[in-house]
Amino acid sequence: MEGECPLTESANVKVRQLQTPDRGFHSRIHLLRRLPDHAEEHPYALFGVKPLGPLIGAEITGVDLSQPVSAELQKELNRALLEWKVIFFRNQLITSEQQRDFARLWGELETHPFLPPGDTQDVVRFTADENRRGGANNWHTDVTWRLEPALGAVLRLIEVPPYGGDTLWSDTAAAYDNLPDETKERIEGLQAVHDFTHTFGRHMAPDVLAAWQAKLPPAVHPVVRTHPETGRKTLFVNADFTSHIVGLDPEEGEQLLQYLFRQILVPEFQVRFHWEANTVAFWDNRATQHYAVSDYFPHRRVAERVAICGDRPY
């Protein structure tokens, strides 16, 4: 009939079933295991704990970091760190020296060769403003290019922007737990190379880069490390510093790394923290990756960080 669109096929043709690839567009049940198997939950005697989710991240209340930390309190804070992977302390009017001394309760402190120092030894300062955008907005575990990457870090926000500037942490034990069994079997025993060259070294002059590469050669770590205190297996590759997997064809290895990097991005494994001035975060670098959101330019954000020396992953 005139004025009607013609049918492109006979009205009697059978409708074909739409064939699409499985892209994971369905609900998934994630294993959210906060504690190691067979670990028992115990109350905290010396402070309060406000969980920010079921898996990772908790605010600690009733602790004043400007006051001396007893051995008993340090032990209980360490248990909270192991159980929650990152712990937060709000309203802490402390100096850089007090921040440093608090971190030192967990071990010797690390000197970072590439980050700007603060006014106190072993403290680095991150300043973002109208002249310098915020960095670290990639998922990473700190200094995995060292033979002995950091145990953890204590970060204090001194100035916060009027909006934005959050930090996210992802639980790398949960990321490992939720891998398919065949992937766990595939990566068991694999090692990967970690290198600072394509991050901190990318703007160095060739002779300066060569000198640093001689001083800090690439480190080889297991793709899956065992946490030395909890015994849990954690995924230990990150997009910032892991260059390749030992013994695999480069293309195959890169595909595997990209798959593992995406595993860190699952929101159920993460906590997102909104900063206030004078807030302190303490994270376990052996059990997490983190991402500093850079969404506040040209506003000012100032933070200071102290890192604690760790051990060699196994």
Protein backbone atom coordinates (compact mmCIF):
# COMPACT_ATOMS: atom_id res chain seq x y z
CA MET A 1 0.00 0.00 0.00
CA GLU A 2 1.29 3.41 -0.92
CA GLY A 3 2.82 5.32 2.01
CA GLU A 4 3.88 2.20 3.95
CA CYS A 5 7.47 1.03 4.29
CA PRO A 6 8.04 -2.17 2.35
CA LEU A 7 9.08 -5.32 4.19
CA THR A 8 12.65 -6.26 3.46
CA GLU A 9 11.86 -9.95 3.85
CA SER A 10 8.81 -12.15 3.63
CA ALA A 11 6.46 -11.84 6.58
CA ASN A 12 6.71 -15.59 6.92
CA VAL A 13 10.46 -15.61 7.55
CA LYS A 14 11.45 -17.04 10.92
CA VAL A 15 13.02 -14.62 13.39
CA ARG A 16 16.61 -15.54 14.03
CA GLN A 17 17.79 -15.77 17.62
CA LEU A 18 20.25 -12.96 18.35
CA GLN A 19 23.73 -14.31 18.92
CA THR A 20 25.95 -12.16 21.15
CA PRO A 21 29.18 -12.94 22.98
CA ASP A 22 29.12 -13.53 26.72
CA ARG A 23 30.38 -10.22 28.09
CA GLY A 24 29.57 -10.88 31.70
CA PHE A 25 26.37 -8.81 31.67
CA HIS A 26 24.85 -10.71 34.56
CA SER A 27 24.96 -10.60 38.32
CA ARG A 28 27.93 -12.26 39.95
CA ILE A 29 28.34 -13.59 43.44
CA HIS A 30 31.73 -12.50 44.74
CA LEU A 31 33.50 -14.20 47.60
CA LEU A 32 34.05 -11.38 50.08
CA ARG A 33 36.33 -12.99 52.64
CA ARG A 34 37.76 -10.34 54.95
CA LEU A 35 39.69 -12.67 57.26
CA PRO A 36 41.84 -15.72 56.56
CA ASP A 37 40.16 -19.09 56.74
CA HIS A 38 39.57 -20.29 60.30
CA ALA A 39 40.41 -16.86 61.75
CA GLU A 40 38.17 -15.85 64.65
CA GLU A 41 36.65 -12.40 65.09
CA HIS A 42 37.72 -10.69 68.31
CA PRO A 43 36.55 -7.32 69.68
CA TYR A 44 38.99 -4.44 69.97
CA ALA A 45 39.67 -3.31 73.52
CA LEU A 46 41.53 -0.03 73.03
CA PHE A 47 39.58 1.76 70.28
CA GLY A 48 36.43 1.71 68.21
CA VAL A 49 36.20 0.44 64.64
CA LYS A 50 33.73 1.79 62.09
CA PRO A 51 33.75 -0.43 58.98
CA LEU A 52 33.40 1.34 55.64
CA GLY A 53 32.33 -1.86 53.94
CA PRO A 54 32.24 -5.60 54.51
CA LEU A 55 35.73 -6.29 53.18
CA ILE A 56 38.23 -3.43 53.26
CA GLY A 57 38.58 -0.10 55.05
CA ALA A 58 37.65 1.00 58.57
CA GLU A 59 37.81 4.20 60.58
CA ILE A 60 39.51 3.97 63.97
CA THR A 61 37.98 6.06 66.76
CA GLY A 62 39.30 6.87 70.20
CA VAL A 63 43.00 7.07 69.26
CA ASP A 64 45.00 10.30 69.44
CA LEU A 65 48.16 9.93 67.35
CA SER A 66 49.71 12.99 69.00
CA GLN A 67 50.08 10.90 72.15
CA PRO A 68 52.59 8.07 72.72
CA VAL A 69 51.44 4.71 71.34
CA SER A 70 51.94 1.87 73.80
CA ALA A 71 53.14 -1.56 72.73
CA GLU A 72 49.68 -2.93 73.51
CA LEU A 73 47.96 -0.30 71.36
CA GLN A 74 50.43 -0.84 68.49
CA LYS A 75 49.74 -4.56 68.57
CA GLU A 76 45.99 -4.05 68.41
CA LEU A 77 46.31 -1.45 65.63
CA ASN A 78 48.39 -3.93 63.67
CA ARG A 79 45.61 -6.50 64.01
CA ALA A 80 43.14 -3.95 62.68
CA LEU A 81 45.48 -3.18 59.78
CA LEU A 82 45.76 -6.86 58.87
CA GLU A 83 42.02 -7.42 59.13
CA TRP A 84 40.85 -4.27 57.31
CA LYS A 85 43.91 -3.64 55.03
CA VAL A 86 43.56 0.15 55.33
CA ILE A 87 42.59 2.05 58.48
CA PHE A 88 41.73 5.74 58.87
CA PHE A 89 42.13 8.22 61.71
CA ARG A 90 40.21 11.52 61.49
CA ASN A 91 40.88 14.76 63.35
CA GLN A 92 44.56 14.08 64.02
CA LEU A 93 46.40 17.32 64.82
CA ILE A 94 49.91 15.90 64.47
CA THR A 95 53.22 17.10 63.08
CA SER A 96 55.32 15.47 60.38
CA GLU A 97 57.66 14.23 63.12
CA GLN A 98 54.79 12.58 65.00
CA GLN A 99 53.54 10.99 61.79
CA ARG A 100 57.04 9.65 61.11
CA ASP A 101 57.42 8.32 64.66
CA PHE A 102 54.06 6.55 64.43
CA ALA A 103 55.07 4.80 61.20
CA ARG A 104 58.42 3.83 62.70
CA LEU A 105 56.63 1.62 65.23
CA TRP A 106 56.19 -0.85 62.35
CA GLY A 107 59.84 -0.91 61.25
CA GLU A 108 62.60 0.98 59.50
CA LEU A 109 61.46 3.74 57.17
CA GLU A 110 61.98 3.87 53.44
CA THR A 111 63.56 6.76 51.56
CA HIS A 112 61.95 7.23 48.16
CA PRO A 113 64.50 8.28 45.52
CA PHE A 114 62.05 9.95 43.12
CA LEU A 115 59.43 11.74 45.24
CA PRO A 116 59.77 15.29 46.61
CA PRO A 117 60.84 15.39 50.27
CA GLY A 118 58.99 17.16 53.02
CA ASP A 119 60.63 19.18 55.76
CA THR A 120 61.16 16.08 57.92
CA GLN A 121 63.53 13.23 57.14
CA ASP A 122 61.79 10.13 55.66
CA VAL A 123 58.65 12.17 54.84
CA VAL A 124 57.65 12.90 51.25
CA ARG A 125 55.21 15.64 50.27
CA PHE A 126 52.67 15.62 47.46
CA THR A 127 51.43 19.05 46.41
CA ALA A 128 48.87 19.61 43.67
CA ASP A 129 47.58 23.06 42.71
CA GLU A 130 47.03 25.29 39.68
CA ASN A 131 50.63 24.62 38.59
CA ARG A 132 50.77 20.86 39.12
CA ARG A 133 47.99 18.34 38.65
CA GLY A 134 47.52 15.48 41.08
CA GLY A 135 49.30 12.26 40.15
CA ALA A 136 49.10 8.59 41.20
CA ASN A 137 45.76 8.18 39.40
CA ASN A 138 46.66 4.68 38.27
CA TRP A 139 46.06 1.49 40.22
CA HIS A 140 49.35 0.43 41.81
CA THR A 141 51.15 -1.07 44.74
CA ASP A 142 53.97 1.15 45.97
CA VAL A 143 57.60 0.56 44.95
CA THR A 144 57.21 -3.00 43.68
CA TRP A 145 60.33 -2.25 41.63
CA ARG A 146 62.29 -2.71 44.86
CA LEU A 147 63.55 -6.16 45.84
CA GLU A 148 61.79 -5.56 49.15
CA PRO A 149 58.68 -3.43 48.48
CA ALA A 150 57.21 -1.35 51.28
CA LEU A 151 55.26 -3.03 54.08
CA GLY A 152 52.85 -0.12 54.18
CA ALA A 153 52.48 3.62 54.27
CA VAL A 154 51.04 6.33 56.49
CA LEU A 155 49.49 9.24 54.56
CA ARG A 156 48.29 12.49 56.14
CA LEU A 157 46.15 15.07 54.33
CA ILE A 158 47.15 18.58 55.33
CA GLU A 159 45.09 20.57 52.82
CA VAL A 160 42.07 19.23 50.96
CA PRO A 161 40.33 20.63 47.88
CA PRO A 162 36.70 21.83 48.13
CA TYR A 163 35.62 18.69 46.30
CA GLY A 164 37.20 15.54 44.88
CA GLY A 165 40.61 14.15 45.70
CA ASP A 166 39.34 10.84 47.06
CA THR A 167 41.56 7.76 47.28
CA LEU A 168 40.48 4.20 46.50
CA TRP A 169 42.01 0.97 47.77
CA SER A 170 41.41 -2.51 46.38
CA ASP A 171 41.85 -5.75 48.32
CA THR A 172 44.30 -7.90 46.36
CA ALA A 173 43.50 -11.01 48.40
CA ALA A 174 39.85 -10.71 47.35
CA ALA A 175 40.99 -10.15 43.77
CA TYR A 176 42.91 -13.42 43.93
CA ASP A 177 40.14 -15.32 45.74
CA ASN A 178 37.66 -14.52 42.97
CA LEU A 179 39.79 -15.65 40.04
CA PRO A 180 38.56 -18.77 38.24
CA ASP A 181 40.28 -21.95 39.38
CA GLU A 182 41.85 -22.45 35.97
CA THR A 183 43.41 -18.98 36.15
CA LYS A 184 44.77 -19.67 39.63
CA GLU A 185 46.37 -22.84 38.29
CA ARG A 186 47.77 -20.96 35.31
CA ILE A 187 49.47 -18.22 37.37
CA GLU A 188 50.67 -20.46 40.21
CA GLY A 189 54.48 -20.26 40.28
CA LEU A 190 54.73 -17.54 37.62
CA GLN A 191 57.03 -14.57 38.19
CA ALA A 192 56.84 -11.04 36.83
CA VAL A 193 59.35 -8.25 36.34
CA HIS A 194 58.79 -4.89 38.05
CA ASP A 195 60.56 -1.74 36.87
CA PHE A 196 60.35 2.01 37.56
CA THR A 197 61.52 2.98 34.05
CA HIS A 198 58.18 3.61 32.34
CA THR A 199 56.79 5.62 35.28
CA PHE A 200 59.36 7.57 37.29
CA GLY A 201 61.96 7.20 34.54
CA ARG A 202 59.92 8.35 31.57
CA HIS A 203 61.03 12.00 31.73
CA MET A 204 64.66 11.41 32.75
CA ALA A 205 67.55 12.27 30.48
CA PRO A 206 69.13 9.10 29.04
CA ASP A 207 72.31 9.34 31.14
CA VAL A 208 70.34 9.99 34.35
CA LEU A 209 68.02 7.09 33.61
CA ALA A 210 70.93 4.75 32.94
CA ALA A 211 72.51 5.68 36.27
CA TRP A 212 69.29 4.97 38.16
CA GLN A 213 68.73 1.72 36.28
CA ALA A 214 72.18 0.57 37.36
CA LYS A 215 71.38 1.46 40.96
CA LEU A 216 67.83 0.04 40.90
CA PRO A 217 67.71 -2.88 38.45
CA PRO A 218 64.34 -4.55 37.75
CA ALA A 219 62.98 -6.79 40.49
CA VAL A 220 61.40 -10.19 39.93
CA HIS A 221 58.46 -11.10 42.16
CA PRO A 222 55.84 -13.85 42.18
CA VAL A 223 52.61 -13.03 40.37
CA VAL A 224 50.85 -14.32 43.50
CA ARG A 225 52.55 -13.51 46.77
CA THR A 226 51.85 -14.91 50.23
CA HIS A 227 51.17 -12.34 52.93
CA PRO A 228 53.87 -12.90 55.57
CA GLU A 229 51.54 -12.27 58.53
CA THR A 230 48.13 -13.55 57.45
CA GLY A 231 49.27 -16.30 55.09
CA ARG A 232 46.73 -15.23 52.45
CA LYS A 233 47.53 -15.29 48.76
CA THR A 234 47.34 -11.88 47.09
CA LEU A 235 47.56 -10.79 43.47
CA PHE A 236 50.91 -9.03 43.13
CA VAL A 237 51.05 -7.38 39.70
CA ASN A 238 50.15 -3.78 38.96
CA ALA A 239 49.76 -1.63 35.86
CA ASP A 240 52.28 1.02 36.95
CA PHE A 241 55.34 -1.12 37.61
CA THR A 242 54.88 -4.67 36.27
CA SER A 243 56.50 -4.83 32.83
CA HIS A 244 56.11 -8.49 31.82
CA ILE A 245 55.75 -12.07 32.99
CA VAL A 246 58.90 -14.19 32.95
CA GLY A 247 58.93 -17.04 30.46
CA LEU A 248 55.75 -16.17 28.56
CA ASP A 249 55.48 -14.98 24.98
CA PRO A 250 55.21 -11.16 25.19
CA GLU A 251 51.74 -11.04 23.63
CA GLU A 252 50.42 -13.89 25.78
CA GLY A 253 51.97 -12.38 28.90
CA GLU A 254 50.49 -8.94 28.21
CA GLN A 255 47.03 -10.42 27.69
CA LEU A 256 47.32 -12.24 31.00
CA LEU A 257 48.52 -9.11 32.80
CA GLN A 258 45.66 -7.03 31.39
CA TYR A 259 43.21 -9.67 32.61
CA LEU A 260 44.74 -9.60 36.10
CA PHE A 261 44.83 -5.79 36.16
CA ARG A 262 41.08 -5.73 35.43
CA GLN A 263 40.48 -8.01 38.39
CA ILE A 264 41.60 -5.18 40.70
CA LEU A 265 38.86 -2.93 39.28
CA VAL A 266 35.89 -4.86 40.72
CA PRO A 267 34.02 -2.39 42.98
CA GLU A 268 33.11 -5.07 45.52
CA PHE A 269 36.82 -5.40 46.34
CA GLN A 270 37.29 -1.67 46.95
CA VAL A 271 36.77 1.14 49.40
CA ARG A 272 36.60 4.80 48.38
CA PHE A 273 37.63 7.30 51.04
CA HIS A 274 36.71 10.98 51.14
CA TRP A 275 39.37 13.01 52.90
CA GLU A 276 39.08 15.78 55.43
CA ALA A 277 42.01 17.90 56.60
CA ASN A 278 44.07 16.24 59.36
CA THR A 279 43.01 12.73 58.39
CA VAL A 280 45.54 9.89 58.42
CA ALA A 281 45.37 6.67 56.40
CA PHE A 282 47.54 3.62 57.09
CA TRP A 283 47.47 0.87 54.47
CA ASP A 284 49.01 -2.56 54.10
CA ASN A 285 50.98 -2.39 50.86
CA ARG A 286 51.25 -6.19 50.80
CA ALA A 287 47.48 -6.63 50.57
CA THR A 288 46.21 -3.66 48.55
CA GLN A 289 46.49 -1.50 45.48
CA HIS A 290 45.41 2.15 45.53
CA TYR A 291 44.35 4.94 43.19
CA ALA A 292 44.42 8.67 43.95
CA VAL A 293 41.57 10.38 42.09
CA SER A 294 42.75 13.51 40.25
CA ASP A 295 39.50 15.44 39.79
CA TYR A 296 40.09 18.69 41.68
CA PHE A 297 42.34 20.80 39.42
CA PRO A 298 43.12 23.68 39.83
CA HIS A 299 42.42 23.43 43.56
CA ARG A 300 45.13 22.73 46.09
CA ARG A 301 45.72 19.38 47.80
CA VAL A 302 48.71 18.73 50.07
CA ALA A 303 49.61 15.38 51.62
CA GLU A 304 52.61 13.88 53.39
CA ARG A 305 53.53 10.21 53.36
CA VAL A 306 55.86 7.96 55.30
CA ALA A 307 56.62 4.46 53.97
CA ILE A 308 57.76 1.46 56.01
CA CYS A 309 60.37 -0.96 54.69
CA GLY A 310 59.06 -4.40 53.82
CA ASP A 311 60.40 -7.83 53.02
CA ARG A 312 60.98 -9.82 49.85
CA PRO A 313 57.75 -11.27 48.43
CA TYR A 314 57.42 -15.04 48.21
